N, C-alpha and C. Protein backbone atom coordinates (compact mmCIF):
# COMPACT_ATOMS: atom_id res chain seq x y z
N UNK A 1 -20.57 56.08 0.72
CA UNK A 1 -19.70 55.50 -0.29
C UNK A 1 -20.37 54.27 -0.91
N UNK A 2 -20.26 54.17 -2.24
CA UNK A 2 -20.76 52.98 -2.90
C UNK A 2 -19.79 51.82 -2.67
N UNK A 3 -20.32 50.62 -2.57
CA UNK A 3 -19.47 49.44 -2.51
C UNK A 3 -18.87 49.19 -3.89
N UNK A 4 -17.90 48.28 -3.96
CA UNK A 4 -17.29 47.99 -5.25
C UNK A 4 -18.31 47.41 -6.23
N UNK A 5 -19.17 46.52 -5.74
CA UNK A 5 -20.17 45.93 -6.63
C UNK A 5 -21.17 46.98 -7.11
N UNK A 6 -21.54 47.92 -6.23
CA UNK A 6 -22.43 49.00 -6.64
C UNK A 6 -21.76 49.90 -7.68
N UNK A 7 -20.48 50.19 -7.45
CA UNK A 7 -19.75 51.03 -8.40
C UNK A 7 -19.66 50.35 -9.76
N UNK A 8 -19.44 49.04 -9.76
CA UNK A 8 -19.39 48.31 -11.02
C UNK A 8 -20.73 48.39 -11.74
N UNK A 9 -21.82 48.30 -10.98
CA UNK A 9 -23.17 48.41 -11.55
C UNK A 9 -23.40 49.80 -12.12
N UNK A 10 -23.03 50.82 -11.38
CA UNK A 10 -23.26 52.20 -11.78
C UNK A 10 -22.48 52.54 -13.05
N UNK A 11 -21.33 51.93 -13.24
CA UNK A 11 -20.49 52.25 -14.39
C UNK A 11 -21.10 51.82 -15.72
N UNK A 12 -22.19 51.05 -15.69
CA UNK A 12 -22.86 50.69 -16.93
C UNK A 12 -23.58 51.90 -17.55
N UNK A 13 -23.85 52.92 -16.75
CA UNK A 13 -24.57 54.09 -17.23
C UNK A 13 -23.59 55.09 -17.83
N UNK A 14 -23.65 55.21 -19.15
CA UNK A 14 -22.74 56.11 -19.86
C UNK A 14 -23.41 57.42 -20.25
N UNK A 15 -24.74 57.41 -20.31
CA UNK A 15 -25.50 58.60 -20.69
C UNK A 15 -26.86 58.53 -20.02
N UNK A 16 -27.60 59.65 -19.94
CA UNK A 16 -28.88 59.65 -19.23
C UNK A 16 -29.86 58.58 -19.71
N UNK A 17 -29.91 58.33 -21.02
CA UNK A 17 -30.89 57.35 -21.51
C UNK A 17 -30.60 55.94 -21.00
N UNK A 18 -29.35 55.63 -20.68
CA UNK A 18 -29.03 54.32 -20.10
C UNK A 18 -29.75 54.14 -18.77
N UNK A 19 -29.87 55.22 -18.01
CA UNK A 19 -30.58 55.17 -16.72
C UNK A 19 -32.05 54.87 -16.95
N UNK A 20 -32.63 55.52 -17.97
CA UNK A 20 -34.03 55.27 -18.31
C UNK A 20 -34.25 53.81 -18.71
N UNK A 21 -33.35 53.25 -19.49
CA UNK A 21 -33.49 51.86 -19.92
C UNK A 21 -33.50 50.92 -18.72
N UNK A 22 -32.68 51.22 -17.71
CA UNK A 22 -32.69 50.39 -16.51
C UNK A 22 -34.03 50.50 -15.80
N UNK A 23 -34.53 51.72 -15.61
CA UNK A 23 -35.80 51.90 -14.92
C UNK A 23 -36.94 51.21 -15.67
N UNK A 24 -36.90 51.24 -16.99
CA UNK A 24 -37.93 50.57 -17.78
C UNK A 24 -37.87 49.05 -17.62
N UNK A 25 -36.69 48.55 -17.28
CA UNK A 25 -36.50 47.09 -17.24
C UNK A 25 -36.90 46.46 -15.92
N UNK A 26 -37.03 47.27 -14.86
CA UNK A 26 -37.31 46.68 -13.55
C UNK A 26 -38.80 46.81 -13.21
N UNK A 27 -39.33 45.92 -12.37
CA UNK A 27 -40.74 45.98 -12.00
C UNK A 27 -41.08 47.25 -11.24
N UNK A 28 -42.36 47.63 -11.32
CA UNK A 28 -42.87 48.78 -10.57
C UNK A 28 -43.12 48.35 -9.12
N UNK A 29 -42.61 49.11 -8.18
CA UNK A 29 -42.81 48.80 -6.76
C UNK A 29 -44.16 49.36 -6.31
N UNK A 30 -45.12 48.49 -5.95
CA UNK A 30 -46.45 48.97 -5.58
C UNK A 30 -46.57 49.38 -4.11
N UNK A 31 -45.51 49.22 -3.34
CA UNK A 31 -45.59 49.45 -1.90
C UNK A 31 -45.46 50.93 -1.54
N UNK A 32 -46.13 51.31 -0.46
CA UNK A 32 -46.09 52.70 0.04
C UNK A 32 -44.85 52.87 0.89
N UNK A 33 -43.73 53.04 0.24
CA UNK A 33 -42.45 53.24 0.88
C UNK A 33 -41.59 54.08 -0.04
N UNK A 34 -40.45 54.53 0.45
CA UNK A 34 -39.54 55.27 -0.41
C UNK A 34 -38.11 54.84 -0.09
N UNK A 35 -37.61 53.92 -0.89
CA UNK A 35 -36.29 53.36 -0.67
C UNK A 35 -35.22 54.16 -1.40
N UNK A 36 -34.02 54.10 -0.89
CA UNK A 36 -32.90 54.85 -1.45
C UNK A 36 -32.43 54.24 -2.76
N UNK A 37 -31.66 54.99 -3.56
CA UNK A 37 -31.05 54.41 -4.75
C UNK A 37 -30.25 53.14 -4.46
N UNK A 38 -29.58 53.08 -3.33
CA UNK A 38 -28.87 51.84 -2.96
C UNK A 38 -29.83 50.67 -2.89
N UNK A 39 -31.00 50.88 -2.30
CA UNK A 39 -32.00 49.82 -2.19
C UNK A 39 -32.55 49.44 -3.56
N UNK A 40 -32.71 50.42 -4.44
CA UNK A 40 -33.20 50.14 -5.79
C UNK A 40 -32.20 49.25 -6.52
N UNK A 41 -30.91 49.53 -6.37
CA UNK A 41 -29.90 48.68 -6.99
C UNK A 41 -29.98 47.27 -6.43
N UNK A 42 -30.14 47.15 -5.13
CA UNK A 42 -30.15 45.83 -4.49
C UNK A 42 -31.39 45.02 -4.83
N UNK A 43 -32.55 45.70 -4.86
CA UNK A 43 -33.82 44.99 -5.00
C UNK A 43 -34.37 45.01 -6.42
N UNK A 44 -33.78 45.86 -7.29
CA UNK A 44 -34.13 45.86 -8.71
C UNK A 44 -35.63 46.09 -8.94
N UNK A 45 -36.18 47.07 -8.26
CA UNK A 45 -37.54 47.53 -8.51
C UNK A 45 -37.65 48.95 -7.99
N UNK A 46 -38.65 49.68 -8.51
CA UNK A 46 -38.81 51.09 -8.10
C UNK A 46 -40.19 51.58 -8.50
N UNK A 47 -40.74 52.48 -7.70
CA UNK A 47 -41.93 53.22 -8.13
C UNK A 47 -41.48 54.60 -8.62
N UNK A 48 -42.45 55.44 -8.95
CA UNK A 48 -42.18 56.74 -9.54
C UNK A 48 -41.18 57.56 -8.72
N UNK A 49 -41.44 57.72 -7.44
CA UNK A 49 -40.61 58.57 -6.60
C UNK A 49 -39.22 57.95 -6.44
N UNK A 50 -39.18 56.64 -6.16
CA UNK A 50 -37.88 55.96 -6.04
C UNK A 50 -37.10 56.05 -7.34
N UNK A 51 -37.81 55.93 -8.47
CA UNK A 51 -37.15 56.01 -9.76
C UNK A 51 -36.52 57.37 -9.99
N UNK A 52 -37.22 58.44 -9.60
CA UNK A 52 -36.68 59.78 -9.76
C UNK A 52 -35.44 59.99 -8.89
N UNK A 53 -35.49 59.50 -7.66
CA UNK A 53 -34.33 59.63 -6.77
C UNK A 53 -33.15 58.82 -7.30
N UNK A 54 -33.44 57.61 -7.77
CA UNK A 54 -32.39 56.78 -8.35
C UNK A 54 -31.77 57.47 -9.56
N UNK A 55 -32.61 57.98 -10.46
CA UNK A 55 -32.11 58.64 -11.65
C UNK A 55 -31.26 59.85 -11.29
N UNK A 56 -31.70 60.63 -10.30
CA UNK A 56 -30.93 61.80 -9.88
C UNK A 56 -29.56 61.39 -9.34
N UNK A 57 -29.53 60.32 -8.56
CA UNK A 57 -28.25 59.84 -8.02
C UNK A 57 -27.33 59.38 -9.14
N UNK A 58 -27.88 58.67 -10.13
CA UNK A 58 -27.06 58.20 -11.25
C UNK A 58 -26.62 59.36 -12.14
N UNK A 59 -27.49 60.36 -12.31
CA UNK A 59 -27.10 61.54 -13.09
C UNK A 59 -25.92 62.25 -12.42
N UNK A 60 -25.93 62.29 -11.10
CA UNK A 60 -24.79 62.92 -10.41
C UNK A 60 -23.50 62.16 -10.71
N UNK A 61 -23.59 60.83 -10.80
CA UNK A 61 -22.40 60.04 -11.13
C UNK A 61 -21.89 60.38 -12.53
N UNK A 62 -22.79 60.86 -13.40
CA UNK A 62 -22.41 61.25 -14.77
C UNK A 62 -21.98 62.71 -14.86
N UNK A 63 -21.99 63.42 -13.73
CA UNK A 63 -21.53 64.79 -13.72
C UNK A 63 -22.62 65.85 -13.73
N UNK A 64 -23.89 65.43 -13.67
CA UNK A 64 -25.01 66.37 -13.61
C UNK A 64 -25.36 66.67 -12.15
N UNK A 65 -26.12 67.73 -11.93
CA UNK A 65 -26.68 67.97 -10.61
C UNK A 65 -27.81 66.97 -10.35
N UNK A 66 -28.00 66.53 -9.10
CA UNK A 66 -29.08 65.58 -8.79
C UNK A 66 -30.40 66.33 -8.58
N UNK A 67 -31.11 66.60 -9.66
CA UNK A 67 -32.31 67.44 -9.63
C UNK A 67 -33.57 66.62 -9.85
N UNK A 68 -34.61 66.92 -9.07
CA UNK A 68 -35.92 66.33 -9.29
C UNK A 68 -36.97 67.43 -9.35
N UNK A 69 -38.07 67.15 -10.03
CA UNK A 69 -39.20 68.07 -10.13
C UNK A 69 -40.47 67.31 -9.79
N UNK A 70 -41.32 67.92 -8.97
CA UNK A 70 -42.60 67.34 -8.59
C UNK A 70 -43.71 67.91 -9.46
N UNK A 71 -44.51 67.04 -10.04
CA UNK A 71 -45.68 67.48 -10.79
C UNK A 71 -46.93 67.09 -10.01
N UNK A 72 -47.77 68.08 -9.70
CA UNK A 72 -48.99 67.84 -8.93
C UNK A 72 -50.19 67.70 -9.86
N UNK A 73 -51.10 66.81 -9.48
CA UNK A 73 -52.27 66.52 -10.31
C UNK A 73 -53.55 66.63 -9.48
N UNK A 74 -54.68 66.75 -10.20
CA UNK A 74 -55.99 66.80 -9.57
C UNK A 74 -56.70 65.47 -9.79
N UNK A 75 -57.18 64.87 -8.70
CA UNK A 75 -57.85 63.57 -8.78
C UNK A 75 -56.97 62.53 -9.46
N UNK A 76 -55.69 62.54 -9.11
CA UNK A 76 -54.72 61.64 -9.73
C UNK A 76 -53.46 61.64 -8.87
N UNK A 77 -52.55 60.71 -9.15
CA UNK A 77 -51.29 60.67 -8.44
C UNK A 77 -50.36 61.76 -8.95
N UNK A 78 -49.52 62.30 -8.04
CA UNK A 78 -48.45 63.19 -8.47
C UNK A 78 -47.39 62.36 -9.20
N UNK A 79 -46.50 63.05 -9.90
CA UNK A 79 -45.44 62.38 -10.64
C UNK A 79 -44.15 63.13 -10.37
N UNK A 80 -43.07 62.41 -10.07
CA UNK A 80 -41.77 63.02 -9.80
C UNK A 80 -40.79 62.54 -10.87
N UNK A 81 -40.05 63.48 -11.43
CA UNK A 81 -39.09 63.17 -12.48
C UNK A 81 -37.71 63.71 -12.09
N UNK A 82 -36.67 63.08 -12.62
CA UNK A 82 -35.32 63.62 -12.53
C UNK A 82 -35.06 64.42 -13.79
N UNK A 83 -34.50 65.61 -13.65
CA UNK A 83 -34.26 66.47 -14.81
C UNK A 83 -32.77 66.76 -14.96
N UNK A 84 -32.38 67.05 -16.19
CA UNK A 84 -30.98 67.36 -16.48
C UNK A 84 -30.93 68.31 -17.66
N UNK A 85 -29.81 68.96 -17.84
CA UNK A 85 -29.63 69.91 -18.94
C UNK A 85 -28.39 69.53 -19.76
N UNK A 86 -28.56 69.55 -21.08
CA UNK A 86 -27.45 69.37 -22.02
C UNK A 86 -27.54 70.50 -23.04
N UNK A 87 -26.45 71.24 -23.20
CA UNK A 87 -26.42 72.40 -24.10
C UNK A 87 -27.57 73.35 -23.79
N UNK A 88 -27.81 73.52 -22.49
CA UNK A 88 -28.83 74.46 -21.98
C UNK A 88 -30.26 74.07 -22.34
N UNK A 89 -30.48 72.81 -22.67
CA UNK A 89 -31.82 72.30 -22.95
C UNK A 89 -32.18 71.24 -21.91
N UNK A 90 -33.45 71.24 -21.50
CA UNK A 90 -33.92 70.36 -20.44
C UNK A 90 -34.36 69.00 -21.00
N UNK A 91 -34.03 67.96 -20.26
CA UNK A 91 -34.53 66.61 -20.50
C UNK A 91 -34.95 65.99 -19.18
N UNK A 92 -35.52 64.77 -19.22
CA UNK A 92 -36.02 64.15 -18.00
C UNK A 92 -35.93 62.64 -18.08
N UNK A 93 -35.83 62.03 -16.90
CA UNK A 93 -35.87 60.58 -16.71
C UNK A 93 -36.95 60.29 -15.69
N UNK A 94 -37.75 59.25 -15.91
CA UNK A 94 -38.82 58.96 -14.96
C UNK A 94 -39.19 57.49 -15.00
N UNK A 95 -39.65 56.99 -13.86
CA UNK A 95 -40.24 55.66 -13.75
C UNK A 95 -41.75 55.83 -13.69
N UNK A 96 -42.46 55.12 -14.55
CA UNK A 96 -43.91 55.18 -14.54
C UNK A 96 -44.47 53.85 -14.99
N UNK A 97 -45.64 53.48 -14.45
CA UNK A 97 -46.31 52.27 -14.93
C UNK A 97 -47.16 52.57 -16.15
N UNK A 98 -47.16 53.82 -16.62
CA UNK A 98 -47.77 54.17 -17.90
C UNK A 98 -46.67 54.42 -18.92
N UNK A 99 -47.02 54.41 -20.19
CA UNK A 99 -45.99 54.40 -21.22
C UNK A 99 -45.50 55.77 -21.66
N UNK A 100 -46.22 56.84 -21.35
CA UNK A 100 -45.89 58.15 -21.92
C UNK A 100 -45.39 59.17 -20.92
N UNK A 101 -45.17 58.76 -19.68
CA UNK A 101 -44.72 59.71 -18.66
C UNK A 101 -43.29 59.43 -18.23
N UNK A 102 -42.48 58.96 -19.16
CA UNK A 102 -41.12 58.54 -18.84
C UNK A 102 -40.08 59.52 -19.40
N UNK A 103 -39.20 59.05 -20.24
CA UNK A 103 -38.05 59.83 -20.71
C UNK A 103 -38.46 60.99 -21.61
N UNK A 104 -37.73 62.09 -21.50
CA UNK A 104 -37.83 63.20 -22.42
C UNK A 104 -36.42 63.58 -22.89
N UNK A 105 -36.28 63.70 -24.21
CA UNK A 105 -35.00 64.12 -24.77
C UNK A 105 -34.65 65.53 -24.30
N UNK A 106 -33.35 65.84 -24.15
CA UNK A 106 -32.95 67.19 -23.73
C UNK A 106 -33.03 68.19 -24.89
N UNK A 107 -34.28 68.56 -25.23
CA UNK A 107 -34.52 69.48 -26.35
C UNK A 107 -35.43 70.63 -25.95
N UNK A 108 -35.79 70.73 -24.67
CA UNK A 108 -36.78 71.72 -24.23
C UNK A 108 -36.09 72.97 -23.70
N UNK A 109 -36.52 74.12 -24.23
CA UNK A 109 -35.85 75.39 -23.93
C UNK A 109 -36.09 75.88 -22.51
N UNK A 110 -37.18 75.46 -21.89
CA UNK A 110 -37.50 75.88 -20.53
C UNK A 110 -38.07 74.71 -19.75
N UNK A 111 -38.06 74.84 -18.44
CA UNK A 111 -38.62 73.78 -17.61
C UNK A 111 -40.13 73.66 -17.85
N UNK A 112 -40.82 74.78 -18.01
CA UNK A 112 -42.26 74.72 -18.27
C UNK A 112 -42.55 74.00 -19.59
N UNK A 113 -41.74 74.26 -20.59
CA UNK A 113 -41.92 73.57 -21.87
C UNK A 113 -41.76 72.07 -21.69
N UNK A 114 -40.77 71.66 -20.91
CA UNK A 114 -40.57 70.23 -20.61
C UNK A 114 -41.79 69.66 -19.92
N UNK A 115 -42.28 70.33 -18.90
CA UNK A 115 -43.42 69.83 -18.14
C UNK A 115 -44.65 69.73 -19.03
N UNK A 116 -44.87 70.70 -19.89
CA UNK A 116 -46.04 70.67 -20.77
C UNK A 116 -45.98 69.54 -21.79
N UNK A 117 -44.79 68.99 -22.04
CA UNK A 117 -44.71 67.84 -22.94
C UNK A 117 -45.39 66.61 -22.35
N UNK A 118 -45.62 66.62 -21.03
CA UNK A 118 -46.33 65.52 -20.37
C UNK A 118 -47.84 65.74 -20.33
N UNK A 119 -48.30 66.96 -20.61
CA UNK A 119 -49.68 67.32 -20.28
C UNK A 119 -50.72 66.42 -20.94
N UNK A 120 -50.66 66.23 -22.23
CA UNK A 120 -51.70 65.48 -22.93
C UNK A 120 -51.70 64.00 -22.59
N UNK A 121 -50.62 63.52 -21.98
CA UNK A 121 -50.50 62.10 -21.63
C UNK A 121 -50.68 61.85 -20.14
N UNK A 122 -50.96 62.93 -19.40
CA UNK A 122 -51.09 62.84 -17.93
C UNK A 122 -52.58 62.90 -17.61
N UNK A 123 -53.18 61.73 -17.41
CA UNK A 123 -54.62 61.69 -17.13
C UNK A 123 -54.93 60.52 -16.22
N UNK A 124 -56.09 60.60 -15.57
CA UNK A 124 -56.49 59.54 -14.65
C UNK A 124 -57.28 58.46 -15.37
N UNK A 125 -57.74 57.47 -14.63
CA UNK A 125 -58.40 56.32 -15.25
C UNK A 125 -59.78 56.66 -15.79
N UNK A 126 -60.28 57.86 -15.49
CA UNK A 126 -61.55 58.31 -16.06
C UNK A 126 -61.35 59.05 -17.38
N UNK A 127 -60.08 59.30 -17.73
CA UNK A 127 -59.79 60.04 -18.94
C UNK A 127 -59.72 61.54 -18.76
N UNK A 128 -59.66 62.00 -17.51
CA UNK A 128 -59.55 63.43 -17.22
C UNK A 128 -58.08 63.85 -17.22
N UNK A 129 -57.72 64.87 -18.01
CA UNK A 129 -56.37 65.41 -18.00
C UNK A 129 -56.15 66.11 -16.66
N UNK A 130 -55.15 65.67 -15.92
CA UNK A 130 -55.10 65.98 -14.49
C UNK A 130 -53.91 66.82 -14.03
N UNK A 131 -52.90 67.02 -14.86
CA UNK A 131 -51.72 67.78 -14.45
C UNK A 131 -52.08 69.24 -14.20
N UNK A 132 -51.65 69.79 -13.06
CA UNK A 132 -52.03 71.15 -12.70
C UNK A 132 -50.86 72.07 -12.35
N UNK A 133 -49.76 71.54 -11.80
CA UNK A 133 -48.68 72.43 -11.39
C UNK A 133 -47.37 71.65 -11.29
N UNK A 134 -46.28 72.40 -11.15
CA UNK A 134 -44.97 71.76 -11.02
C UNK A 134 -44.08 72.60 -10.10
N UNK A 135 -43.15 71.94 -9.48
CA UNK A 135 -42.21 72.62 -8.58
C UNK A 135 -40.98 73.09 -9.34
N UNK A 136 -40.23 73.96 -8.72
CA UNK A 136 -38.90 74.27 -9.24
C UNK A 136 -38.02 73.03 -9.06
N UNK A 137 -36.92 72.91 -9.79
CA UNK A 137 -36.02 71.78 -9.58
C UNK A 137 -35.45 71.79 -8.16
N UNK A 138 -35.48 70.64 -7.53
CA UNK A 138 -34.93 70.49 -6.19
C UNK A 138 -33.60 69.77 -6.29
N UNK A 139 -32.56 70.42 -5.81
CA UNK A 139 -31.22 69.82 -5.82
C UNK A 139 -31.10 68.92 -4.59
N UNK A 140 -31.02 67.61 -4.82
CA UNK A 140 -31.02 66.66 -3.72
C UNK A 140 -29.74 66.71 -2.88
N UNK A 141 -28.74 67.44 -3.33
CA UNK A 141 -27.54 67.58 -2.50
C UNK A 141 -27.86 68.28 -1.18
N UNK A 142 -29.01 68.96 -1.10
CA UNK A 142 -29.42 69.58 0.14
C UNK A 142 -29.67 68.53 1.23
N UNK A 143 -29.88 67.26 0.82
CA UNK A 143 -30.12 66.17 1.76
C UNK A 143 -28.90 65.26 1.93
N UNK A 144 -27.74 65.69 1.44
CA UNK A 144 -26.55 64.84 1.52
C UNK A 144 -26.17 64.51 2.95
N UNK A 145 -26.47 65.41 3.87
CA UNK A 145 -26.12 65.16 5.27
C UNK A 145 -26.88 63.95 5.82
N UNK A 146 -27.98 63.59 5.17
CA UNK A 146 -28.75 62.42 5.58
C UNK A 146 -28.39 61.19 4.74
N UNK A 147 -27.40 61.35 3.86
CA UNK A 147 -26.91 60.23 3.06
C UNK A 147 -28.05 59.59 2.26
N UNK A 148 -28.86 60.42 1.61
CA UNK A 148 -30.08 59.95 0.97
C UNK A 148 -29.86 58.88 -0.09
N UNK A 149 -28.76 58.95 -0.82
CA UNK A 149 -28.57 58.02 -1.93
C UNK A 149 -28.18 56.62 -1.49
N UNK A 150 -27.64 56.50 -0.28
CA UNK A 150 -27.15 55.20 0.18
C UNK A 150 -27.77 54.76 1.50
N UNK A 151 -28.77 55.48 1.96
CA UNK A 151 -29.35 55.22 3.28
C UNK A 151 -30.19 53.95 3.30
N UNK A 152 -30.27 53.34 4.48
CA UNK A 152 -31.21 52.23 4.70
C UNK A 152 -32.55 52.74 5.21
N UNK A 153 -32.63 54.03 5.51
CA UNK A 153 -33.86 54.61 6.05
C UNK A 153 -34.84 54.98 4.93
N UNK A 154 -36.11 55.07 5.30
CA UNK A 154 -37.13 55.52 4.36
C UNK A 154 -36.88 57.01 4.05
N UNK A 155 -37.07 57.40 2.78
CA UNK A 155 -36.78 58.76 2.34
C UNK A 155 -38.04 59.62 2.19
N UNK A 156 -39.09 59.28 2.90
CA UNK A 156 -40.33 60.03 2.76
C UNK A 156 -40.17 61.49 3.15
N UNK A 157 -39.13 61.81 3.92
CA UNK A 157 -38.91 63.22 4.28
C UNK A 157 -38.65 64.07 3.03
N UNK A 158 -38.12 63.46 1.97
CA UNK A 158 -37.95 64.22 0.73
C UNK A 158 -39.31 64.48 0.09
N UNK A 159 -40.19 63.49 0.14
CA UNK A 159 -41.55 63.69 -0.35
C UNK A 159 -42.28 64.76 0.43
N UNK A 160 -42.08 64.78 1.74
CA UNK A 160 -42.71 65.81 2.58
C UNK A 160 -42.21 67.20 2.17
N UNK A 161 -40.93 67.29 1.86
CA UNK A 161 -40.37 68.57 1.43
C UNK A 161 -41.02 69.02 0.12
N UNK A 162 -41.23 68.09 -0.81
CA UNK A 162 -41.83 68.44 -2.09
C UNK A 162 -43.25 68.99 -1.93
N UNK A 163 -43.98 68.49 -0.96
CA UNK A 163 -45.35 68.99 -0.75
C UNK A 163 -45.36 70.38 -0.13
N UNK A 164 -44.27 70.78 0.51
CA UNK A 164 -44.23 72.07 1.19
C UNK A 164 -43.78 73.21 0.29
N UNK A 165 -43.00 72.92 -0.72
CA UNK A 165 -42.45 74.00 -1.53
C UNK A 165 -43.50 74.51 -2.53
N UNK A 166 -43.28 75.71 -3.04
CA UNK A 166 -44.24 76.31 -3.97
C UNK A 166 -44.21 75.58 -5.32
N UNK A 167 -45.38 75.59 -5.98
CA UNK A 167 -45.53 75.00 -7.29
C UNK A 167 -46.10 76.05 -8.24
N UNK A 168 -45.69 75.98 -9.49
CA UNK A 168 -46.18 76.89 -10.51
C UNK A 168 -47.42 76.31 -11.17
N UNK A 169 -48.50 77.10 -11.17
CA UNK A 169 -49.77 76.65 -11.76
C UNK A 169 -49.68 76.69 -13.28
N UNK A 170 -50.21 75.65 -13.92
CA UNK A 170 -50.15 75.54 -15.37
C UNK A 170 -51.39 76.09 -16.08
N UNK A 171 -52.57 75.94 -15.46
CA UNK A 171 -53.82 76.27 -16.13
C UNK A 171 -54.67 77.21 -15.29
N UNK A 172 -55.41 78.09 -15.97
CA UNK A 172 -56.39 78.89 -15.25
C UNK A 172 -57.73 78.14 -15.25
N UNK A 173 -58.71 78.68 -14.53
CA UNK A 173 -59.99 77.99 -14.35
C UNK A 173 -60.70 77.75 -15.68
N UNK A 174 -60.68 78.73 -16.57
CA UNK A 174 -61.36 78.57 -17.86
C UNK A 174 -60.72 77.46 -18.68
N UNK A 175 -59.40 77.40 -18.67
CA UNK A 175 -58.71 76.34 -19.42
C UNK A 175 -59.07 74.97 -18.89
N UNK A 176 -59.16 74.84 -17.57
CA UNK A 176 -59.53 73.56 -16.97
C UNK A 176 -60.95 73.18 -17.38
N UNK A 177 -61.86 74.15 -17.36
CA UNK A 177 -63.25 73.89 -17.73
C UNK A 177 -63.38 73.39 -19.16
N UNK A 178 -62.50 73.87 -20.04
CA UNK A 178 -62.59 73.53 -21.46
C UNK A 178 -61.81 72.28 -21.86
N UNK A 179 -61.18 71.61 -20.90
CA UNK A 179 -60.41 70.41 -21.24
C UNK A 179 -61.31 69.30 -21.76
N UNK A 180 -60.83 68.58 -22.75
CA UNK A 180 -61.57 67.47 -23.34
C UNK A 180 -61.14 66.15 -22.71
N UNK A 181 -62.06 65.21 -22.66
CA UNK A 181 -61.74 63.86 -22.21
C UNK A 181 -60.76 63.21 -23.18
N UNK A 182 -59.96 62.31 -22.66
CA UNK A 182 -58.96 61.62 -23.47
C UNK A 182 -59.62 60.52 -24.30
N UNK A 183 -59.19 60.39 -25.54
CA UNK A 183 -59.68 59.35 -26.44
C UNK A 183 -59.34 57.97 -25.88
N UNK A 184 -60.24 57.01 -26.03
CA UNK A 184 -60.05 55.68 -25.47
C UNK A 184 -58.81 54.99 -26.04
N UNK A 185 -58.53 55.20 -27.32
CA UNK A 185 -57.35 54.57 -27.90
C UNK A 185 -56.06 55.07 -27.24
N UNK A 186 -56.01 56.37 -26.95
CA UNK A 186 -54.85 56.92 -26.26
C UNK A 186 -54.77 56.38 -24.84
N UNK A 187 -55.90 56.28 -24.16
CA UNK A 187 -55.90 55.71 -22.82
C UNK A 187 -55.36 54.29 -22.84
N UNK A 188 -55.80 53.48 -23.79
CA UNK A 188 -55.34 52.10 -23.89
C UNK A 188 -53.83 52.04 -24.11
N UNK A 189 -53.32 52.94 -24.95
CA UNK A 189 -51.90 52.94 -25.25
C UNK A 189 -51.07 53.39 -24.04
N UNK A 190 -51.52 54.44 -23.37
CA UNK A 190 -50.76 54.98 -22.25
C UNK A 190 -50.78 54.03 -21.05
N UNK A 191 -51.90 53.35 -20.82
CA UNK A 191 -51.99 52.44 -19.68
C UNK A 191 -51.50 51.04 -20.00
N UNK A 192 -50.85 50.88 -21.15
CA UNK A 192 -50.37 49.57 -21.55
C UNK A 192 -49.44 48.95 -20.51
N UNK A 193 -48.51 49.76 -20.00
CA UNK A 193 -47.57 49.24 -19.01
C UNK A 193 -48.25 48.80 -17.74
N UNK A 194 -49.22 49.60 -17.27
CA UNK A 194 -49.94 49.25 -16.06
C UNK A 194 -50.80 48.01 -16.27
N UNK A 195 -51.42 47.91 -17.44
CA UNK A 195 -52.23 46.73 -17.73
C UNK A 195 -51.39 45.46 -17.70
N UNK A 196 -50.21 45.54 -18.32
CA UNK A 196 -49.33 44.37 -18.38
C UNK A 196 -48.88 43.93 -17.00
N UNK A 197 -48.70 44.91 -16.09
CA UNK A 197 -48.25 44.59 -14.73
C UNK A 197 -49.42 44.26 -13.79
N UNK A 198 -50.65 44.34 -14.30
CA UNK A 198 -51.80 44.09 -13.45
C UNK A 198 -52.08 45.17 -12.44
N UNK A 199 -51.63 46.41 -12.74
CA UNK A 199 -51.77 47.50 -11.79
C UNK A 199 -52.96 48.41 -12.09
N UNK A 200 -53.52 48.29 -13.29
CA UNK A 200 -54.61 49.15 -13.70
C UNK A 200 -55.90 48.37 -13.79
N UNK A 201 -56.91 48.82 -13.07
CA UNK A 201 -58.21 48.19 -13.11
C UNK A 201 -59.22 49.19 -13.68
N UNK A 202 -59.69 49.00 -14.92
CA UNK A 202 -60.63 49.94 -15.52
C UNK A 202 -61.85 50.15 -14.65
N UNK A 203 -62.43 51.35 -14.75
CA UNK A 203 -63.64 51.66 -14.01
C UNK A 203 -64.78 50.77 -14.49
N UNK A 204 -65.57 50.26 -13.54
CA UNK A 204 -66.73 49.44 -13.90
C UNK A 204 -67.85 50.33 -14.45
């Protein structure tokens, strides 16, 4: 159960984009931990995974299913997003220290189409486009018995689950071989958020 003060905080979210605005406003958590949405509310910071769990919990408060999707990358960090559907179209909410891996409007006809909207902006610090696969949506209500949204415990068991489930491959070997390096101007723009937070150190 949410406390009264938590409920008052949650009531500020009237639509999915309100959740994204909150995630954009709080600092990126650089620590190797996974805190619950309750902890995110209390401490006002989140990393990618915590942001996805928080967004899923808030989406449930708005009447959506608490769904997350894991995106796996090569020579790069994975990215986890909360997804939702409006009028049978997919959208997403995400916390990222880069500028282009965050919100997606609910205009995508399929989950794959939504995921591919991230492809050209998903690259490592060398400029290599790194996104390779994605999971099916995971309904976090499967973890309700562990009180995931309000727990004081670390939620890494959800991350462990994401690594075990099957992922859909996006590219074949030839497509990967033919990928082009990212333009420096795009890299500068996408890493703007990380640069501002002091989280991105360019390769020497």
